[in-house]
PDB file of N, CA and C in Angstrom:
ATOM      1  N   MET A   1     216.416 -70.003  29.379  1.00  0.00           N
ATOM      2  CA  MET A   1     216.744 -68.923  28.725  1.00  0.00           C
ATOM      3  C   MET A   1     217.917 -68.373  29.125  1.00  0.00           C
ATOM      4  N   ALA A   2     218.920 -68.144  27.931  1.00  0.00           N
ATOM      5  CA  ALA A   2     219.891 -66.402  27.591  1.00  0.00           C
ATOM      6  C   ALA A   2     219.408 -65.733  27.601  1.00  0.00           C
ATOM      7  N   ILE A   3     219.897 -64.541  28.373  1.00  0.00           N
ATOM      8  CA  ILE A   3     219.899 -63.479  28.421  1.00  0.00           C
ATOM      9  C   ILE A   3     220.804 -63.086  27.608  1.00  0.00           C
ATOM     10  N   ALA A   4     220.591 -62.196  26.615  1.00  0.00           N
ATOM     11  CA  ALA A   4     221.213 -61.347  25.682  1.00  0.00           C
ATOM     12  C   ALA A   4     222.220 -59.729  26.578  1.00  0.00           C
ATOM     13  N   THR A   5     223.317 -59.918  26.408  1.00  0.00           N
ATOM     14  CA  THR A   5     223.486 -58.827  26.964  1.00  0.00           C
ATOM     15  C   THR A   5     224.314 -57.829  25.744  1.00  0.00           C
ATOM     16  N   GLU A   6     223.559 -56.277  25.992  1.00  0.00           N
ATOM     17  CA  GLU A   6     224.410 -55.810  24.871  1.00  0.00           C
ATOM     18  C   GLU A   6     226.209 -54.433  25.011  1.00  0.00           C
ATOM     19  N   LYS A   7     226.536 -54.947  24.458  1.00  0.00           N
ATOM     20  CA  LYS A   7     227.584 -53.918  24.027  1.00  0.00           C
ATOM     21  C   LYS A   7     228.028 -53.526  22.773  1.00  0.00           C
ATOM     22  N   CYS A   8     228.945 -52.833  23.032  1.00  0.00           N
ATOM     23  CA  CYS A   8     229.218 -51.718  21.725  1.00  0.00           C
ATOM     24  C   CYS A   8     230.295 -51.217  21.959  1.00  0.00           C
ATOM     25  N   ASN A   9     231.058 -51.023  20.530  1.00  0.00           N
ATOM     26  CA  ASN A   9     232.683 -50.431  20.590  1.00  0.00           C
ATOM     27  C   ASN A   9     232.104 -49.065  20.910  1.00  0.00           C
ATOM     28  N   VAL A  10     233.451 -47.978  21.129  1.00  0.00           N
ATOM     29  CA  VAL A  10     233.107 -46.825  20.858  1.00  0.00           C
ATOM     30  C   VAL A  10     234.240 -46.680  20.391  1.00  0.00           C
ATOM     31  N   SER A  11     234.067 -44.931  19.631  1.00  0.00           N
ATOM     32  CA  SER A  11     234.927 -44.820  18.504  1.00  0.00           C
ATOM     33  C   SER A  11     235.740 -43.563  18.850  1.00  0.00           C
ATOM     34  N   PHE A  12     236.803 -42.900  18.929  1.00  0.00           N
ATOM     35  CA  PHE A  12     236.859 -41.234  18.932  1.00  0.00           C
ATOM     36  C   PHE A  12     238.538 -41.070  18.104  1.00  0.00           C
ATOM     37  N   GLN A  13     238.379 -39.866  18.161  1.00  0.00           N
ATOM     38  CA  GLN A  13     240.042 -39.387  17.441  1.00  0.00           C
ATOM     39  C   GLN A  13     240.990 -38.681  18.865  1.00  0.00           C
ATOM     40  N   ILE A  14     242.139 -38.433  18.283  1.00  0.00           N
ATOM     41  CA  ILE A  14     242.846 -38.158  19.654  1.00  0.00           C
ATOM     42  C   ILE A  14     243.582 -36.829  18.699  1.00  0.00           C
ATOM     43  N   ARG A  15     243.558 -35.580  18.683  1.00  0.00           N
ATOM     44  CA  ARG A  15     244.452 -34.693  17.892  1.00  0.00           C
ATOM     45  C   ARG A  15     245.060 -33.738  19.277  1.00  0.00           C
ATOM     46  N   TYR A  16     246.512 -33.666  18.828  1.00  0.00           N
ATOM     47  CA  TYR A  16     247.313 -32.965  19.906  1.00  0.00           C
ATOM     48  C   TYR A  16     248.083 -32.150  18.506  1.00  0.00           C
ATOM     49  N   THR A  17     248.407 -30.961  19.701  1.00  0.00           N
ATOM     50  CA  THR A  17     249.535 -30.180  18.700  1.00  0.00           C
ATOM     51  C   THR A  17     250.682 -30.170  20.044  1.00  0.00           C
ATOM     52  N   SER A  18     251.878 -29.948  18.955  1.00  0.00           N
ATOM     53  CA  SER A  18     253.230 -30.320  20.162  1.00  0.00           C
ATOM     54  C   SER A  18     254.200 -29.059  19.316  1.00  0.00           C
ATOM     55  N   SER A  19     255.373 -29.074  20.252  1.00  0.00           N
ATOM     56  CA  SER A  19     255.997 -27.653  19.802  1.00  0.00           C
ATOM     57  C   SER A  19     257.407 -28.599  19.398  1.00  0.00           C
ATOM     58  N   ILE A  20     256.703 -29.835  19.645  1.00  0.00           N
ATOM     59  CA  ILE A  20     258.837 -30.863  19.082  1.00  0.00           C
ATOM     60  C   ILE A  20     257.630 -32.285  18.214  1.00  0.00           C
ATOM     61  N   PRO A  21     258.053 -32.886  17.593  1.00  0.00           N
ATOM     62  CA  PRO A  21     257.916 -34.360  17.184  1.00  0.00           C
ATOM     63  C   PRO A  21     257.280 -34.961  17.903  1.00  0.00           C
ATOM     64  N   ALA A  22     255.820 -34.991  18.158  1.00  0.00           N
ATOM     65  CA  ALA A  22     255.880 -36.224  19.359  1.00  0.00           C
ATOM     66  C   ALA A  22     256.071 -37.255  19.072  1.00  0.00           C
ATOM     67  N   THR A  23     257.001 -38.359  19.965  1.00  0.00           N
ATOM     68  CA  THR A  23     257.178 -39.904  19.297  1.00  0.00           C
ATOM     69  C   THR A  23     256.536 -40.582  20.151  1.00  0.00           C
ATOM     70  N   GLY A  24     256.240 -41.853  20.045  1.00  0.00           N
ATOM     71  CA  GLY A  24     255.823 -43.122  21.429  1.00  0.00           C
ATOM     72  C   GLY A  24     254.412 -42.360  22.051  1.00  0.00           C
ATOM     73  N   ALA A  25     254.077 -41.681  21.395  1.00  0.00           N
ATOM     74  CA  ALA A  25     252.639 -40.893  22.137  1.00  0.00           C
ATOM     75  C   ALA A  25     251.865 -42.183  22.591  1.00  0.00           C
ATOM     76  N   SER A  26     251.156 -42.462  24.391  1.00  0.00           N
ATOM     77  CA  SER A  26     250.479 -43.465  24.330  1.00  0.00           C
ATOM     78  C   SER A  26     248.979 -42.901  25.338  1.00  0.00           C
ATOM     79  N   ALA A  27     248.271 -43.600  25.503  1.00  0.00           N
ATOM     80  CA  ALA A  27     247.340 -43.318  26.319  1.00  0.00           C
ATOM     81  C   ALA A  27     246.010 -43.777  27.370  1.00  0.00           C
ATOM     82  N   VAL A  28     246.440 -43.502  28.337  1.00  0.00           N
ATOM     83  CA  VAL A  28     244.787 -43.773  28.752  1.00  0.00           C
ATOM     84  C   VAL A  28     243.630 -43.749  29.060  1.00  0.00           C
ATOM     85  N   LEU A  29     242.607 -44.037  29.155  1.00  0.00           N
ATOM     86  CA  LEU A  29     241.178 -43.624  29.392  1.00  0.00           C
ATOM     87  C   LEU A  29     240.296 -44.449  30.448  1.00  0.00           C
ATOM     88  N   LYS A  30     239.815 -43.602  31.314  1.00  0.00           N
ATOM     89  CA  LYS A  30     239.196 -44.068  32.019  1.00  0.00           C
ATOM     90  C   LYS A  30     237.329 -43.859  31.879  1.00  0.00           C
ATOM     91  N   TYR A  31     237.137 -44.168  32.133  1.00  0.00           N
ATOM     92  CA  TYR A  31     235.227 -44.196  32.261  1.00  0.00           C
ATOM     93  C   TYR A  31     234.594 -44.513  32.608  1.00  0.00           C
ATOM     94  N   ARG A  32     233.242 -43.999  33.326  1.00  0.00           N
ATOM     95  CA  ARG A  32     232.183 -44.569  34.226  1.00  0.00           C
ATOM     96  C   ARG A  32     231.147 -44.239  33.858  1.00  0.00           C
ATOM     97  N   ILE A  33     229.908 -44.408  34.034  1.00  0.00           N
ATOM     98  CA  ILE A  33     228.062 -43.866  33.930  1.00  0.00           C
ATOM     99  C   ILE A  33     228.644 -42.557  34.821  1.00  0.00           C
ATOM    100  N   LYS A  34     227.962 -41.633  34.036  1.00  0.00           N
ATOM    101  CA  LYS A  34     228.372 -40.197  34.544  1.00  0.00           C
ATOM    102  C   LYS A  34     227.339 -40.714  35.885  1.00  0.00           C
ATOM    103  N   GLY A  35     227.783 -40.126  36.951  1.00  0.00           N
ATOM    104  CA  GLY A  35     227.269 -39.679  38.320  1.00  0.00           C
ATOM    105  C   GLY A  35     227.251 -40.855  39.057  1.00  0.00           C
ATOM    106  N   SER A  36     228.152 -42.269  38.733  1.00  0.00           N
ATOM    107  CA  SER A  36     228.011 -43.465  39.297  1.00  0.00           C
ATOM    108  C   SER A  36     229.141 -42.817  40.229  1.00  0.00           C
ATOM    109  N   THR A  37     228.922 -43.787  41.257  1.00  0.00           N
ATOM    110  CA  THR A  37     230.149 -43.965  42.677  1.00  0.00           C
ATOM    111  C   THR A  37     231.274 -44.865  42.246  1.00  0.00           C
ATOM    112  N   GLY A  38     230.842 -45.541  41.475  1.00  0.00           N
ATOM    113  CA  GLY A  38     231.922 -46.758  41.092  1.00  0.00           C
ATOM    114  C   GLY A  38     232.910 -46.705  40.135  1.00  0.00           C
ATOM    115  N   SER A  39     234.012 -47.312  40.687  1.00  0.00           N
ATOM    116  CA  SER A  39     235.614 -47.308  39.952  1.00  0.00           C
ATOM    117  C   SER A  39     235.287 -46.695  38.633  1.00  0.00           C
ATOM    118  N   TYR A  40     235.995 -46.527  38.069  1.00  0.00           N
ATOM    119  CA  TYR A  40     236.519 -45.891  37.104  1.00  0.00           C
ATOM    120  C   TYR A  40     237.063 -47.460  35.856  1.00  0.00           C
ATOM    121  N   ALA A  41     236.391 -47.735  34.937  1.00  0.00           N
ATOM    122  CA  ALA A  41     236.894 -48.431  33.959  1.00  0.00           C
ATOM    123  C   ALA A  41     237.706 -47.956  32.829  1.00  0.00           C
ATOM    124  N   GLN A  42     239.302 -49.442  33.055  1.00  0.00           N
ATOM    125  CA  GLN A  42     240.104 -48.516  32.016  1.00  0.00           C
ATOM    126  C   GLN A  42     240.778 -49.177  30.955  1.00  0.00           C
ATOM    127  N   TYR A  43     241.240 -48.153  30.270  1.00  0.00           N
ATOM    128  CA  TYR A  43     241.762 -48.805  28.085  1.00  0.00           C
ATOM    129  C   TYR A  43     242.813 -48.171  28.053  1.00  0.00           C
ATOM    130  N   ASN A  44     243.887 -49.353  28.167  1.00  0.00           N
ATOM    131  CA  ASN A  44     245.403 -48.329  27.879  1.00  0.00           C
ATOM    132  C   ASN A  44     245.353 -48.556  26.516  1.00  0.00           C
ATOM    133  N   ILE A  45     245.989 -47.485  26.089  1.00  0.00           N
ATOM    134  CA  ILE A  45     245.890 -47.054  24.503  1.00  0.00           C
ATOM    135  C   ILE A  45     247.348 -47.171  23.821  1.00  0.00           C
ATOM    136  N   ALA A  46     248.079 -48.117  23.556  1.00  0.00           N
ATOM    137  CA  ALA A  46     249.560 -48.611  23.503  1.00  0.00           C
ATOM    138  C   ALA A  46     250.129 -47.433  22.849  1.00  0.00           C
ATOM    139  N   SER A  47     249.489 -47.494  21.637  1.00  0.00           N
ATOM    140  CA  SER A  47     249.958 -46.108  20.366  1.00  0.00           C
ATOM    141  C   SER A  47     249.158 -45.227  19.545  1.00  0.00           C
ATOM    142  N   VAL A  48     249.847 -44.129  19.818  1.00  0.00           N
ATOM    143  CA  VAL A  48     248.411 -42.972  19.038  1.00  0.00           C
ATOM    144  C   VAL A  48     248.754 -42.159  18.380  1.00  0.00           C
ATOM    145  N   THR A  49     248.350 -42.016  16.950  1.00  0.00           N
ATOM    146  CA  THR A  49     248.387 -41.771  16.104  1.00  0.00           C
ATOM    147  C   THR A  49     247.911 -40.270  16.216  1.00  0.00           C
ATOM    148  N   ASN A  50     248.619 -38.972  16.083  1.00  0.00           N
ATOM    149  CA  ASN A  50     247.476 -37.785  16.139  1.00  0.00           C
ATOM    150  C   ASN A  50     246.396 -37.691  15.190  1.00  0.00           C
ATOM    151  N   GLY A  51     245.359 -37.895  15.259  1.00  0.00           N
ATOM    152  CA  GLY A  51     244.242 -37.856  14.693  1.00  0.00           C
ATOM    153  C   GLY A  51     244.033 -38.866  14.103  1.00  0.00           C
ATOM    154  N   GLY A  52     244.172 -39.789  14.222  1.00  0.00           N
ATOM    155  CA  GLY A  52     243.837 -41.607  14.187  1.00  0.00           C
ATOM    156  C   GLY A  52     242.695 -42.113  15.088  1.00  0.00           C
ATOM    157  N   THR A  53     242.076 -43.143  14.655  1.00  0.00           N
ATOM    158  CA  THR A  53     240.686 -43.402  15.151  1.00  0.00           C
ATOM    159  C   THR A  53     241.307 -44.435  16.566  1.00  0.00           C
ATOM    160  N   ILE A  54     240.474 -44.053  17.332  1.00  0.00           N
ATOM    161  CA  ILE A  54     240.633 -45.306  18.359  1.00  0.00           C
ATOM    162  C   ILE A  54     239.208 -45.641  18.943  1.00  0.00           C
ATOM    163  N   GLU A  55     239.896 -46.817  19.049  1.00  0.00           N
ATOM    164  CA  GLU A  55     238.459 -48.186  19.163  1.00  0.00           C
ATOM    165  C   GLU A  55     238.189 -48.269  20.905  1.00  0.00           C
ATOM    166  N   VAL A  56     237.264 -47.823  21.422  1.00  0.00           N
ATOM    167  CA  VAL A  56     237.027 -48.792  22.781  1.00  0.00           C
ATOM    168  C   VAL A  56     236.057 -49.981  22.849  1.00  0.00           C
ATOM    169  N   PRO A  57     236.561 -51.270  23.514  1.00  0.00           N
ATOM    170  CA  PRO A  57     235.563 -52.278  22.214  1.00  0.00           C
ATOM    171  C   PRO A  57     235.187 -52.438  23.939  1.00  0.00           C
ATOM    172  N   ASN A  58     233.458 -53.673  23.859  1.00  0.00           N
ATOM    173  CA  ASN A  58     232.910 -53.620  25.003  1.00  0.00           C
ATOM    174  C   ASN A  58     232.631 -53.300  26.059  1.00  0.00           C
ATOM    175  N   VAL A  59     232.142 -51.672  25.469  1.00  0.00           N
ATOM    176  CA  VAL A  59     230.913 -50.803  26.573  1.00  0.00           C
ATOM    177  C   VAL A  59     230.427 -51.880  27.135  1.00  0.00           C
ATOM    178  N   GLN A  60     230.071 -51.528  28.181  1.00  0.00           N
ATOM    179  CA  GLN A  60     228.887 -52.326  29.014  1.00  0.00           C
ATOM    180  C   GLN A  60     227.656 -51.988  28.577  1.00  0.00           C
ATOM    181  N   SER A  61     227.335 -51.000  28.178  1.00  0.00           N
ATOM    182  CA  SER A  61     226.353 -50.531  28.439  1.00  0.00           C
ATOM    183  C   SER A  61     225.852 -49.273  27.542  1.00  0.00           C
ATOM    184  N   SER A  62     224.518 -48.704  27.291  1.00  0.00           N
ATOM    185  CA  SER A  62     224.699 -47.750  26.234  1.00  0.00           C
ATOM    186  C   SER A  62     224.400 -46.323  27.501  1.00  0.00           C
ATOM    187  N   GLY A  63     224.313 -45.099  27.342  1.00  0.00           N
ATOM    188  CA  GLY A  63     224.243 -44.489  28.357  1.00  0.00           C
ATOM    189  C   GLY A  63     225.359 -43.193  27.977  1.00  0.00           C
ATOM    190  N   GLU A  64     225.661 -42.000  28.951  1.00  0.00           N
ATOM    191  CA  GLU A  64     226.296 -40.949  29.341  1.00  0.00           C
ATOM    192  C   GLU A  64     227.694 -41.189  30.201  1.00  0.00           C
ATOM    193  N   TYR A  65     228.727 -41.274  29.500  1.00  0.00           N
ATOM    194  CA  TYR A  65     230.162 -41.156  30.651  1.00  0.00           C
ATOM    195  C   TYR A  65     230.111 -40.260  30.569  1.00  0.00           C
ATOM    196  N   GLU A  66     231.653 -39.773  32.115  1.00  0.00           N
ATOM    197  CA  GLU A  66     232.010 -39.022  32.038  1.00  0.00           C
ATOM    198  C   GLU A  66     233.627 -40.386  31.980  1.00  0.00           C
ATOM    199  N   TYR A  67     234.405 -39.561  31.617  1.00  0.00           N
ATOM    200  CA  TYR A  67     235.791 -39.319  31.166  1.00  0.00           C
ATOM    201  C   TYR A  67     236.946 -39.223  31.336  1.00  0.00           C
ATOM    202  N   ILE A  68     238.220 -39.432  31.444  1.00  0.00           N
ATOM    203  CA  ILE A  68     239.443 -39.014  32.178  1.00  0.00           C
ATOM    204  C   ILE A  68     240.555 -39.520  31.268  1.00  0.00           C
ATOM    205  N   LEU A  69     240.939 -38.499  30.494  1.00  0.00           N
ATOM    206  CA  LEU A  69     241.745 -38.718  29.326  1.00  0.00           C
ATOM    207  C   LEU A  69     242.979 -38.578  29.759  1.00  0.00           C
ATOM    208  N   ASP A  70     244.272 -39.556  29.365  1.00  0.00           N
ATOM    209  CA  ASP A  70     245.616 -39.125  30.163  1.00  0.00           C
ATOM    210  C   ASP A  70     246.857 -39.177  29.166  1.00  0.00           C
ATOM    211  N   LEU A  71     247.035 -38.667  27.682  1.00  0.00           N
ATOM    212  CA  LEU A  71     247.789 -38.397  27.076  1.00  0.00           C
ATOM    213  C   LEU A  71     249.572 -38.052  26.950  1.00  0.00           C
ATOM    214  N   THR A  72     249.719 -38.986  26.886  1.00  0.00           N
ATOM    215  CA  THR A  72     251.617 -38.863  27.125  1.00  0.00           C
ATOM    216  C   THR A  72     252.306 -39.059  25.913  1.00  0.00           C
ATOM    217  N   ALA A  73     253.639 -37.832  25.457  1.00  0.00           N
ATOM    218  CA  ALA A  73     254.038 -38.323  24.387  1.00  0.00           C
ATOM    219  C   ALA A  73     255.291 -36.905  25.115  1.00  0.00           C
ATOM    220  N   ASN A  74     256.504 -37.626  23.975  1.00  0.00           N
ATOM    221  CA  ASN A  74     257.839 -37.432  25.312  1.00  0.00           C
ATOM    222  C   ASN A  74     258.250 -36.797  26.007  1.00  0.00           C
ATOM    223  N   GLY A  75     257.417 -37.920  27.266  1.00  0.00           N
ATOM    224  CA  GLY A  75     257.396 -37.920  28.444  1.00  0.00           C
ATOM    225  C   GLY A  75     256.838 -36.945  29.319  1.00  0.00           C
ATOM    226  N   ILE A  76     255.562 -36.449  28.401  1.00  0.00           N
ATOM    227  CA  ILE A  76     254.981 -34.969  28.905  1.00  0.00           C
ATOM    228  C   ILE A  76     253.351 -35.536  29.088  1.00  0.00           C
ATOM    229  N   THR A  77     252.722 -35.675  30.200  1.00  0.00           N
ATOM    230  CA  THR A  77     251.390 -35.992  30.234  1.00  0.00           C
ATOM    231  C   THR A  77     250.336 -34.758  30.148  1.00  0.00           C
ATOM    232  N   ALA A  78     249.135 -34.512  29.443  1.00  0.00           N
ATOM    233  CA  ALA A  78     247.935 -33.784  29.536  1.00  0.00           C
ATOM    234  C   ALA A  78     247.340 -34.948  29.513  1.00  0.00           C
ATOM    235  N   GLN A  79     246.030 -34.370  30.778  1.00  0.00           N
ATOM    236  CA  GLN A  79     244.724 -34.810  30.656  1.00  0.00           C
ATOM    237  C   GLN A  79     243.752 -34.028  30.282  1.00  0.00           C
ATOM    238  N   GLN A  80     242.776 -35.091  29.753  1.00  0.00           N
ATOM    239  CA  GLN A  80     241.358 -33.801  28.987  1.00  0.00           C
ATOM    240  C   GLN A  80     240.043 -34.931  29.984  1.00  0.00           C
ATOM    241  N   THR A  81     239.317 -34.183  30.636  1.00  0.00           N
ATOM    242  CA  THR A  81     237.422 -34.921  31.344  1.00  0.00           C
ATOM    243  C   THR A  81     236.676 -34.319  30.341  1.00  0.00           C
ATOM    244  N   GLY A  82     235.471 -35.069  30.744  1.00  0.00           N
ATOM    245  CA  GLY A  82     234.623 -34.760  29.869  1.00  0.00           C
ATOM    246  C   GLY A  82     233.489 -35.744  29.861  1.00  0.00           C
ATOM    247  N   PHE A  83     232.582 -35.323  29.833  1.00  0.00           N
ATOM    248  CA  PHE A  83     231.323 -35.894  29.443  1.00  0.00           C
ATOM    249  C   PHE A  83     230.964 -36.469  27.657  1.00  0.00           C
ATOM    250  N   SER A  84     230.727 -38.013  27.525  1.00  0.00           N
ATOM    251  CA  SER A  84     230.514 -38.458  26.561  1.00  0.00           C
ATOM    252  C   SER A  84     228.941 -38.688  26.138  1.00  0.00           C
ATOM    253  N   ASN A  85     228.107 -39.436  25.080  1.00  0.00           N
ATOM    254  CA  ASN A  85     227.114 -40.027  25.074  1.00  0.00           C
ATOM    255  C   ASN A  85     227.079 -41.181  23.710  1.00  0.00           C
TER     256      ASN A  85
END
């Protein structure tokens, strides 16, 4: 008998402000189950449109996650950390 594994897609928006027009924005999302000691899964986001929806496919399990998001635009990187469920 095969056991089905549950996977889900997670969507979110990235909104940012810049004193100059941002071109070529990209991001790297690292995430793992909150409180775990394992390594972070990494999802590279090649193109970020301000306010556009980002979808991270095939998240392996439900629960609360900790994340690190590095946004790079015009050669400058900003980092956001937090928790999500």
